[in-house]
Amino acid sequence: MAARILGSASTDLVESGAGLNAWLDVPDPERAAERLRVYVGGYPVRIHDSLGESYPALAHWVGEPAFHALAHRYAASVPLTSYNLNDAGAQMPAFLRHDVLTGDLPFLPDLAELEWRIARAFHATEGPPLDPRALPWTVEQWATAVLRFQPSVAVLSSAWPLLDLWTARDTPRDAIDIELHGHPHHIVIRRTGFSVRCESVAADEALALQLLLDGRCLGEIAERCEADGHDPSAVLAWFSRWTSAGMIADATA
């Protein structure tokens, strides 16, 4: 049944229903093929609607006809690994890297990556934020500390002005005027209450945050900043801002 819905059954089977009546119990005078058409037609529609919720900026930039066709290509090519429709768009950024639409709009994969992280942040289950004052650690212990961030926190660096492209999702396409080249963005994504915030940060802060998300300790980050010619005390300022924003959930030394 799944193969039939996903379109891998033969044309003859689609038209005649041969074999379907043998394993699907349907009331007379119904035919299994006719009843299955409800699912065959409904599946791509559900995927399209789910993708539209996760990728409003992507849909706006390509236009509804192209987005509709993209959703059908995606549904036909990408096997879903979750029963939750909120997860249906997980592979869209990777899919777009080889899709025909990216030829004219090369920023689409990165824009989709931003939108997917926003969607994940919105559905993430947040925990209580860390209060550093509750940890009576020495300077040496803090230097070896590994931070655990809230599930909604992510960082994304792109050669494209992603925040501008994302914000333009509510602007008529013929009124959009964005300089694409030479304006890289480094973005921190996090949830605050029932909304998701996207903030532009400097490249060194984005790199530090990504390394911490990857499990590096605070001392390593300070050493990396100093080696790159930056003031290592900047790590303290970033840490203070991250904790004030509730982005850090826990720390281990």
Protein backbone atom coordinates (compact mmCIF):
# COMPACT_ATOMS: atom_id res chain seq x y z
CA MET A 1 0.00 0.00 0.00
CA ALA A 2 2.86 2.37 0.80
CA ALA A 3 4.52 1.58 -2.53
CA ARG A 4 1.25 2.32 -4.31
CA ILE A 5 0.76 5.64 -2.52
CA LEU A 6 4.35 6.70 -3.18
CA GLY A 7 3.91 6.03 -6.89
CA SER A 8 6.22 3.03 -7.28
CA ALA A 9 3.45 0.71 -8.51
CA SER A 10 3.10 0.08 -12.24
CA THR A 11 0.74 2.06 -14.46
CA ASP A 12 -1.28 -1.07 -15.17
CA LEU A 13 -1.81 -1.61 -11.46
CA VAL A 14 -2.89 2.00 -11.03
CA GLU A 15 -5.45 1.80 -13.79
CA SER A 16 -6.82 -1.70 -13.35
CA GLY A 17 -6.43 -2.29 -9.65
CA ALA A 18 -5.13 -5.78 -10.48
CA GLY A 19 -4.08 -7.57 -7.34
CA LEU A 20 -5.36 -4.88 -4.99
CA ASN A 21 -8.77 -6.44 -4.45
CA ALA A 22 -7.05 -9.64 -3.40
CA TRP A 23 -5.49 -8.09 -0.32
CA LEU A 24 -7.72 -5.11 0.46
CA ASP A 25 -11.17 -5.90 1.82
CA VAL A 26 -13.57 -3.35 0.37
CA PRO A 27 -17.38 -3.48 0.24
CA ASP A 28 -19.06 -4.34 -3.07
CA PRO A 29 -19.29 -2.79 -5.61
CA GLU A 30 -16.24 -0.70 -4.65
CA ARG A 31 -12.82 -1.31 -6.16
CA ALA A 32 -9.62 -1.10 -4.16
CA ALA A 33 -7.90 1.05 -6.78
CA GLU A 34 -10.64 3.66 -6.59
CA ARG A 35 -10.44 3.87 -2.81
CA LEU A 36 -6.65 4.01 -2.88
CA ARG A 37 -6.79 7.07 -5.13
CA VAL A 38 -7.87 9.07 -2.09
CA TYR A 39 -4.51 8.32 -0.48
CA VAL A 40 -2.51 8.57 -3.69
CA GLY A 41 -3.82 12.08 -4.28
CA GLY A 42 -3.85 13.06 -0.63
CA TYR A 43 -0.26 12.15 0.22
CA PRO A 44 1.48 14.83 -1.89
CA VAL A 45 -1.10 17.37 -0.75
CA ARG A 46 -0.31 16.68 2.91
CA ILE A 47 3.42 16.92 2.19
CA HIS A 48 2.88 20.18 0.28
CA ASP A 49 0.92 21.69 3.18
CA SER A 50 3.55 20.60 5.71
CA LEU A 51 6.36 22.04 3.60
CA GLY A 52 4.42 25.27 3.20
CA GLU A 53 4.25 25.66 6.98
CA SER A 54 7.97 24.98 7.45
CA TYR A 55 9.22 26.95 4.44
CA PRO A 56 7.14 30.13 3.91
CA ALA A 57 10.12 32.16 2.68
CA LEU A 58 11.16 29.44 0.26
CA ALA A 59 7.60 29.24 -1.08
CA HIS A 60 7.46 33.02 -1.46
CA TRP A 61 10.76 33.27 -3.34
CA VAL A 62 9.98 30.57 -5.90
CA GLY A 63 6.24 31.29 -6.26
CA GLU A 64 3.32 28.95 -5.65
CA PRO A 65 3.39 27.03 -8.98
CA ALA A 66 7.11 26.27 -8.63
CA PHE A 67 6.73 25.43 -4.94
CA HIS A 68 3.84 23.09 -5.74
CA ALA A 69 6.01 21.28 -8.29
CA LEU A 70 8.93 21.22 -5.83
CA ALA A 71 6.74 19.61 -3.18
CA HIS A 72 5.71 16.89 -5.62
CA ARG A 73 9.33 16.22 -6.64
CA TYR A 74 10.31 16.08 -2.99
CA ALA A 75 7.45 13.76 -1.99
CA ALA A 76 8.26 11.41 -4.86
CA SER A 77 12.01 11.30 -4.19
CA VAL A 78 12.56 11.58 -0.45
CA PRO A 79 11.55 8.71 1.85
CA LEU A 80 10.11 10.06 5.08
CA THR A 81 11.51 8.65 8.31
CA SER A 82 8.96 10.02 10.77
CA TYR A 83 5.22 9.63 11.29
CA ASN A 84 5.07 13.29 12.35
CA LEU A 85 4.27 15.65 9.47
CA ASN A 86 6.23 18.37 11.26
CA ASP A 87 9.33 16.36 10.30
CA ALA A 88 8.42 16.05 6.62
CA GLY A 89 10.72 18.87 5.51
CA ALA A 90 13.86 17.64 7.27
CA GLN A 91 15.67 16.80 4.04
CA MET A 92 14.60 19.83 2.01
CA PRO A 93 17.89 21.81 2.38
CA ALA A 94 19.90 18.85 1.08
CA PHE A 95 17.33 18.15 -1.64
CA LEU A 96 17.53 21.72 -2.92
CA ARG A 97 21.29 21.52 -3.42
CA HIS A 98 20.62 19.33 -6.44
CA ASP A 99 17.28 20.75 -7.54
CA VAL A 100 16.75 22.74 -10.72
CA LEU A 101 15.41 25.76 -8.79
CA THR A 102 18.79 26.38 -7.19
CA GLY A 103 20.32 27.16 -10.57
CA ASP A 104 18.55 30.52 -10.70
CA LEU A 105 18.31 31.06 -6.93
CA PRO A 106 21.55 29.69 -5.46
CA PHE A 107 20.70 30.86 -1.94
CA LEU A 108 17.72 28.51 -1.65
CA PRO A 109 19.50 25.65 0.18
CA ASP A 110 20.84 27.99 2.87
CA LEU A 111 17.49 29.76 3.16
CA ALA A 112 15.80 26.39 3.60
CA GLU A 113 18.38 25.46 6.24
CA LEU A 114 17.51 28.62 8.18
CA GLU A 115 13.78 27.95 7.93
CA TRP A 116 14.21 24.35 9.01
CA ARG A 117 16.16 25.38 12.09
CA ILE A 118 13.46 27.94 12.88
CA ALA A 119 10.83 25.20 12.59
CA ARG A 120 12.87 22.90 14.85
CA ALA A 121 13.34 25.68 17.39
CA PHE A 122 9.60 26.35 17.47
CA HIS A 123 8.82 22.71 18.30
CA ALA A 124 11.75 22.17 20.69
CA THR A 125 11.12 21.33 24.33
CA GLU A 126 13.01 23.87 26.43
CA GLY A 127 14.31 23.21 29.93
CA PRO A 128 15.09 25.53 32.84
CA PRO A 129 17.96 27.90 32.01
CA LEU A 130 21.31 27.64 33.73
CA ASP A 131 22.05 30.03 36.59
CA PRO A 132 25.87 30.19 36.74
CA ARG A 133 25.68 31.56 40.29
CA ALA A 134 24.39 28.17 41.40
CA LEU A 135 27.70 26.57 40.40
CA PRO A 136 30.48 27.42 42.92
CA TRP A 137 33.24 26.59 40.45
CA THR A 138 36.82 27.81 40.33
CA VAL A 139 38.26 29.57 37.28
CA GLU A 140 39.98 26.32 36.35
CA GLN A 141 36.70 24.41 36.48
CA TRP A 142 34.99 26.97 34.26
CA ALA A 143 37.85 26.69 31.77
CA THR A 144 37.11 22.97 31.35
CA ALA A 145 33.33 23.43 31.37
CA VAL A 146 31.26 21.96 28.55
CA LEU A 147 27.97 23.75 27.99
CA ARG A 148 24.66 22.16 27.07
CA PHE A 149 22.44 24.60 25.21
CA GLN A 150 18.67 24.62 24.95
CA PRO A 151 17.37 22.35 22.14
CA SER A 152 16.14 25.37 20.18
CA VAL A 153 19.58 26.99 19.95
CA ALA A 154 21.35 26.78 16.60
CA VAL A 155 23.85 28.84 14.65
CA LEU A 156 24.04 29.21 10.89
CA SER A 157 26.69 30.93 8.79
CA SER A 158 26.08 31.62 5.12
CA ALA A 159 27.63 33.53 2.27
CA TRP A 160 24.16 34.92 1.55
CA PRO A 161 22.23 37.67 3.42
CA LEU A 162 19.82 35.11 4.88
CA LEU A 163 18.09 37.36 7.38
CA ASP A 164 17.19 39.81 4.62
CA LEU A 165 16.01 37.00 2.37
CA TRP A 166 13.94 35.48 5.16
CA THR A 167 12.42 38.81 6.22
CA ALA A 168 11.38 39.47 2.61
CA ARG A 169 8.89 36.59 2.76
CA ASP A 170 6.10 39.14 3.33
CA THR A 171 7.26 41.56 0.62
CA PRO A 172 5.93 41.32 -2.95
CA ARG A 173 8.66 39.74 -5.04
CA ASP A 174 8.74 42.60 -7.55
CA ALA A 175 9.39 45.00 -4.66
CA ILE A 176 12.34 43.07 -3.17
CA ASP A 177 15.72 44.72 -3.60
CA ILE A 178 18.47 42.79 -1.83
CA GLU A 179 22.16 42.82 -2.71
CA LEU A 180 23.04 39.13 -2.64
CA HIS A 181 26.79 39.10 -3.05
CA GLY A 182 29.34 40.19 -0.47
CA HIS A 183 26.93 40.22 2.47
CA PRO A 184 27.41 37.03 4.51
CA HIS A 185 25.25 36.49 7.56
CA HIS A 186 25.97 34.67 10.82
CA ILE A 187 22.74 33.92 12.63
CA VAL A 188 21.82 32.61 16.04
CA ILE A 189 18.42 30.93 16.20
CA ARG A 190 16.70 30.50 19.56
CA ARG A 191 13.24 30.39 21.04
CA THR A 192 11.88 32.95 23.45
CA GLY A 193 8.53 31.97 24.91
CA PHE A 194 6.26 31.00 22.02
CA SER A 195 8.28 32.72 19.30
CA VAL A 196 11.61 32.12 17.58
CA ARG A 197 14.26 34.83 17.35
CA CYS A 198 16.92 35.07 14.66
CA GLU A 199 19.80 37.39 15.53
CA SER A 200 22.77 38.48 13.46
CA VAL A 201 26.10 38.07 15.26
CA ALA A 202 29.76 38.55 14.37
CA ALA A 203 31.63 35.71 12.68
CA ASP A 204 33.85 35.04 15.72
CA GLU A 205 30.86 34.69 18.06
CA ALA A 206 29.11 32.38 15.59
CA LEU A 207 32.22 30.19 15.37
CA ALA A 208 32.60 30.09 19.16
CA LEU A 209 28.96 29.15 19.63
CA GLN A 210 29.18 26.41 17.01
CA LEU A 211 32.28 24.94 18.66
CA LEU A 212 30.51 24.94 22.02
CA LEU A 213 27.46 23.28 20.47
CA ASP A 214 29.87 20.65 19.13
CA GLY A 215 31.05 19.92 22.67
CA ARG A 216 34.22 21.99 23.01
CA CYS A 217 35.01 23.47 26.43
CA LEU A 218 35.13 27.16 27.30
CA GLY A 219 38.91 27.21 27.72
CA GLU A 220 39.40 25.89 24.19
CA ILE A 221 37.19 28.64 22.84
CA ALA A 222 39.17 31.35 24.65
CA GLU A 223 42.42 29.90 23.30
CA ARG A 224 40.98 29.78 19.80
CA CYS A 225 39.92 33.44 20.01
CA GLU A 226 43.39 34.49 21.16
CA ALA A 227 45.05 32.44 18.40
CA ASP A 228 42.82 34.14 15.82
CA GLY A 229 43.88 37.58 17.09
CA HIS A 230 40.71 38.31 19.07
CA ASP A 231 40.35 39.33 22.68
CA PRO A 232 39.75 36.09 24.66
CA SER A 233 37.73 38.07 27.21
CA ALA A 234 35.04 38.33 24.52
CA VAL A 235 34.08 34.77 25.46
CA LEU A 236 33.04 36.04 28.89
CA ALA A 237 30.81 38.70 27.34
CA TRP A 238 29.23 36.15 25.00
CA PHE A 239 28.70 33.73 27.86
CA SER A 240 27.00 36.44 29.91
CA ARG A 241 24.69 37.32 27.03
CA TRP A 242 23.86 33.65 26.34
CA THR A 243 23.00 32.99 29.97
CA SER A 244 20.92 36.18 30.22
CA ALA A 245 18.95 35.02 27.19
CA GLY A 246 18.37 31.60 28.78
CA MET A 247 20.19 29.85 25.92
CA ILE A 248 22.27 27.59 28.19
CA ALA A 249 20.54 24.72 29.96
CA ASP A 250 23.44 23.12 31.86
CA ALA A 251 27.20 22.89 32.24
CA THR A 252 29.59 20.13 33.28
CA ALA A 253 33.20 20.57 34.38
